[in-house]
Amino acid sequence: MVAQNTDQDSVKLRVGCCTPFIDEPLTESEVTHLAETLSLLAHPIRLRILAILARHAGHVCVCDLEAALPVKQPTVSHHLRLLRDGGLIEGERRGQWIYYAIHREALARVRAMIHTFFDQLGEA
């Protein structure tokens, strides 16, 4: 808040009304990473891909994903690329096909950040 003192023609800055007590549960980089990941997850096709991969042990062939989803192959490939680039899934080439699996450690980190964030909110 800015307050002007007309007697001295100077500007005084007021920092706050009391001693700061704010403690954020996540660092700036953690909040940015969490927001980017949640944005990545906030799409029905990507959530369906993750659900399919989670239900099947091991790797799922891209051809099976394409058959299971209500969109065409280029759209499936686009969403797979976004999930792979975001580190949430991994792909393994076997001949001409790519088999995908959830990157469990990455999702565990996201889950932990979400829990940390919402646990902190619950303490208020």
C-alpha atoms as a PDB file:
ATOM      1  CA  MET A   1       0.000   0.000   0.000  1.00  0.00           C
ATOM      2  CA  VAL A   2       1.324   3.448  -0.881  1.00  0.00           C
ATOM      3  CA  ALA A   3       0.636   6.445   1.358  1.00  0.00           C
ATOM      4  CA  GLN A   4       1.607   9.954   0.371  1.00  0.00           C
ATOM      5  CA  ASN A   5       2.839  12.536   2.838  1.00  0.00           C
ATOM      6  CA  THR A   6       1.933  15.920   1.332  1.00  0.00           C
ATOM      7  CA  ASP A   7       3.876  17.847   4.001  1.00  0.00           C
ATOM      8  CA  GLN A   8       7.228  16.413   2.960  1.00  0.00           C
ATOM      9  CA  ASP A   9       6.447  15.599  -0.691  1.00  0.00           C
ATOM     10  CA  SER A  10       7.759  12.059  -0.161  1.00  0.00           C
ATOM     11  CA  VAL A  11       6.202   8.676  -0.667  1.00  0.00           C
ATOM     12  CA  LYS A  12       6.122   6.148   2.167  1.00  0.00           C
ATOM     13  CA  LEU A  13       5.591   2.450   1.569  1.00  0.00           C
ATOM     14  CA  ARG A  14       3.700   0.428   4.101  1.00  0.00           C
ATOM     15  CA  VAL A  15       4.748  -3.226   4.056  1.00  0.00           C
ATOM     16  CA  GLY A  16       1.721  -4.620   5.855  1.00  0.00           C
ATOM     17  CA  CYS A  17      -0.560  -4.281   8.809  1.00  0.00           C
ATOM     18  CA  CYS A  18       1.138  -6.910  10.964  1.00  0.00           C
ATOM     19  CA  THR A  19       4.081  -9.277  11.238  1.00  0.00           C
ATOM     20  CA  PRO A  20       4.083 -11.716   8.314  1.00  0.00           C
ATOM     21  CA  PHE A  21       3.111 -15.254   9.241  1.00  0.00           C
ATOM     22  CA  ILE A  22       2.521 -16.725   5.807  1.00  0.00           C
ATOM     23  CA  ASP A  23       4.140 -20.102   5.238  1.00  0.00           C
ATOM     24  CA  GLU A  24       3.674 -21.636   1.797  1.00  0.00           C
ATOM     25  CA  PRO A  25       3.620 -25.436   1.566  1.00  0.00           C
ATOM     26  CA  LEU A  26       5.406 -25.580  -1.807  1.00  0.00           C
ATOM     27  CA  THR A  27       8.299 -23.701  -3.344  1.00  0.00           C
ATOM     28  CA  GLU A  28       7.801 -21.532  -6.416  1.00  0.00           C
ATOM     29  CA  SER A  29       9.243 -24.227  -8.700  1.00  0.00           C
ATOM     30  CA  GLU A  30       7.052 -26.904  -7.073  1.00  0.00           C
ATOM     31  CA  VAL A  31       3.930 -24.771  -7.522  1.00  0.00           C
ATOM     32  CA  THR A  32       4.845 -24.103 -11.160  1.00  0.00           C
ATOM     33  CA  HIS A  33       5.508 -27.796 -11.800  1.00  0.00           C
ATOM     34  CA  LEU A  34       2.256 -28.806 -10.083  1.00  0.00           C
ATOM     35  CA  ALA A  35       0.252 -26.248 -12.081  1.00  0.00           C
ATOM     36  CA  GLU A  36       1.797 -27.433 -15.351  1.00  0.00           C
ATOM     37  CA  THR A  37       1.109 -31.062 -14.468  1.00  0.00           C
ATOM     38  CA  LEU A  38      -2.473 -30.374 -13.408  1.00  0.00           C
ATOM     39  CA  SER A  39      -2.977 -28.483 -16.661  1.00  0.00           C
ATOM     40  CA  LEU A  40      -1.610 -31.492 -18.510  1.00  0.00           C
ATOM     41  CA  LEU A  41      -3.998 -33.790 -16.646  1.00  0.00           C
ATOM     42  CA  ALA A  42      -6.986 -31.511 -17.236  1.00  0.00           C
ATOM     43  CA  HIS A  43      -8.069 -33.121 -20.491  1.00  0.00           C
ATOM     44  CA  PRO A  44     -10.524 -36.027 -20.851  1.00  0.00           C
ATOM     45  CA  ILE A  45      -8.494 -37.935 -23.450  1.00  0.00           C
ATOM     46  CA  ARG A  46      -5.285 -37.710 -21.428  1.00  0.00           C
ATOM     47  CA  LEU A  47      -7.124 -38.858 -18.299  1.00  0.00           C
ATOM     48  CA  ARG A  48      -8.587 -41.789 -20.238  1.00  0.00           C
ATOM     49  CA  ILE A  49      -5.121 -42.718 -21.528  1.00  0.00           C
ATOM     50  CA  LEU A  50      -3.733 -42.693 -17.979  1.00  0.00           C
ATOM     51  CA  ALA A  51      -6.696 -44.760 -16.739  1.00  0.00           C
ATOM     52  CA  ILE A  52      -6.158 -47.362 -19.468  1.00  0.00           C
ATOM     53  CA  LEU A  53      -2.438 -47.553 -18.742  1.00  0.00           C
ATOM     54  CA  ALA A  54      -3.066 -47.792 -14.997  1.00  0.00           C
ATOM     55  CA  ARG A  55      -5.473 -50.714 -15.416  1.00  0.00           C
ATOM     56  CA  HIS A  56      -3.028 -52.766 -17.481  1.00  0.00           C
ATOM     57  CA  ALA A  57       0.195 -54.124 -16.059  1.00  0.00           C
ATOM     58  CA  GLY A  58       3.223 -53.600 -18.221  1.00  0.00           C
ATOM     59  CA  HIS A  59       3.062 -51.712 -21.497  1.00  0.00           C
ATOM     60  CA  VAL A  60       0.047 -51.065 -23.753  1.00  0.00           C
ATOM     61  CA  CYS A  61       0.493 -50.916 -27.511  1.00  0.00           C
ATOM     62  CA  VAL A  62      -0.374 -47.629 -29.164  1.00  0.00           C
ATOM     63  CA  CYS A  63      -2.683 -49.531 -31.529  1.00  0.00           C
ATOM     64  CA  ASP A  64      -4.739 -50.713 -28.527  1.00  0.00           C
ATOM     65  CA  LEU A  65      -4.941 -47.166 -27.181  1.00  0.00           C
ATOM     66  CA  GLU A  66      -6.109 -45.891 -30.574  1.00  0.00           C
ATOM     67  CA  ALA A  67      -8.824 -48.568 -30.682  1.00  0.00           C
ATOM     68  CA  ALA A  68     -10.014 -47.778 -27.131  1.00  0.00           C
ATOM     69  CA  LEU A  69     -10.324 -43.997 -27.501  1.00  0.00           C
ATOM     70  CA  PRO A  70     -13.084 -42.047 -29.296  1.00  0.00           C
ATOM     71  CA  VAL A  71     -10.641 -39.931 -31.319  1.00  0.00           C
ATOM     72  CA  LYS A  72      -8.541 -40.489 -34.417  1.00  0.00           C
ATOM     73  CA  GLN A  73      -4.919 -41.639 -34.453  1.00  0.00           C
ATOM     74  CA  PRO A  74      -3.323 -38.166 -34.847  1.00  0.00           C
ATOM     75  CA  THR A  75      -5.181 -36.934 -31.772  1.00  0.00           C
ATOM     76  CA  VAL A  76      -4.121 -39.974 -29.739  1.00  0.00           C
ATOM     77  CA  SER A  77      -0.509 -39.430 -30.828  1.00  0.00           C
ATOM     78  CA  HIS A  78      -0.725 -35.753 -29.853  1.00  0.00           C
ATOM     79  CA  HIS A  79      -1.951 -36.550 -26.340  1.00  0.00           C
ATOM     80  CA  LEU A  80       0.588 -39.352 -25.904  1.00  0.00           C
ATOM     81  CA  ARG A  81       3.360 -36.940 -26.883  1.00  0.00           C
ATOM     82  CA  LEU A  82       2.151 -34.360 -24.337  1.00  0.00           C
ATOM     83  CA  LEU A  83       2.020 -36.965 -21.568  1.00  0.00           C
ATOM     84  CA  ARG A  84       5.440 -38.308 -22.540  1.00  0.00           C
ATOM     85  CA  ASP A  85       6.968 -34.814 -22.726  1.00  0.00           C
ATOM     86  CA  GLY A  86       5.431 -34.075 -19.323  1.00  0.00           C
ATOM     87  CA  GLY A  87       7.177 -37.147 -17.920  1.00  0.00           C
ATOM     88  CA  LEU A  88       3.961 -38.923 -16.914  1.00  0.00           C
ATOM     89  CA  ILE A  89       4.284 -41.847 -19.318  1.00  0.00           C
ATOM     90  CA  GLU A  90       7.115 -43.667 -21.013  1.00  0.00           C
ATOM     91  CA  GLY A  91       7.235 -45.421 -24.341  1.00  0.00           C
ATOM     92  CA  GLU A  92       9.223 -48.393 -25.573  1.00  0.00           C
ATOM     93  CA  ARG A  93       9.575 -49.194 -29.267  1.00  0.00           C
ATOM     94  CA  ARG A  94       9.048 -52.832 -30.211  1.00  0.00           C
ATOM     95  CA  GLY A  95       9.403 -53.218 -33.946  1.00  0.00           C
ATOM     96  CA  GLN A  96       7.069 -50.741 -35.628  1.00  0.00           C
ATOM     97  CA  TRP A  97       4.874 -50.228 -32.546  1.00  0.00           C
ATOM     98  CA  ILE A  98       5.377 -48.207 -29.382  1.00  0.00           C
ATOM     99  CA  TYR A  99       4.196 -49.591 -26.068  1.00  0.00           C
ATOM    100  CA  TYR A 100       3.316 -47.092 -23.350  1.00  0.00           C
ATOM    101  CA  ALA A 101       3.292 -47.342 -19.563  1.00  0.00           C
ATOM    102  CA  ILE A 102       2.723 -44.947 -16.715  1.00  0.00           C
ATOM    103  CA  HIS A 103       5.873 -43.449 -15.241  1.00  0.00           C
ATOM    104  CA  ARG A 104       4.896 -44.399 -11.696  1.00  0.00           C
ATOM    105  CA  GLU A 105       7.623 -42.398  -9.943  1.00  0.00           C
ATOM    106  CA  ALA A 106       6.534 -39.197 -11.708  1.00  0.00           C
ATOM    107  CA  LEU A 107       2.897 -39.722 -10.760  1.00  0.00           C
ATOM    108  CA  ALA A 108       3.927 -40.519  -7.183  1.00  0.00           C
ATOM    109  CA  ARG A 109       5.739 -37.162  -7.015  1.00  0.00           C
ATOM    110  CA  VAL A 110       2.661 -35.367  -8.386  1.00  0.00           C
ATOM    111  CA  ARG A 111       0.445 -37.184  -5.881  1.00  0.00           C
ATOM    112  CA  ALA A 112       2.775 -36.166  -3.035  1.00  0.00           C
ATOM    113  CA  MET A 113       2.765 -32.510  -4.137  1.00  0.00           C
ATOM    114  CA  ILE A 114      -1.047 -32.532  -4.351  1.00  0.00           C
ATOM    115  CA  HIS A 115      -1.294 -34.049  -0.871  1.00  0.00           C
ATOM    116  CA  THR A 116       1.178 -31.510   0.514  1.00  0.00           C
ATOM    117  CA  PHE A 117      -0.746 -28.664  -1.074  1.00  0.00           C
ATOM    118  CA  PHE A 118      -4.207 -29.764   0.057  1.00  0.00           C
ATOM    119  CA  ASP A 119      -3.072 -30.921   3.501  1.00  0.00           C
ATOM    120  CA  GLN A 120      -1.735 -27.413   4.067  1.00  0.00           C
ATOM    121  CA  LEU A 121      -5.091 -25.947   2.990  1.00  0.00           C
ATOM    122  CA  GLY A 122      -6.901 -28.213   5.412  1.00  0.00           C
ATOM    123  CA  GLU A 123      -4.907 -26.877   8.373  1.00  0.00           C
ATOM    124  CA  ALA A 124      -6.319 -23.367   7.980  1.00  0.00           C
END
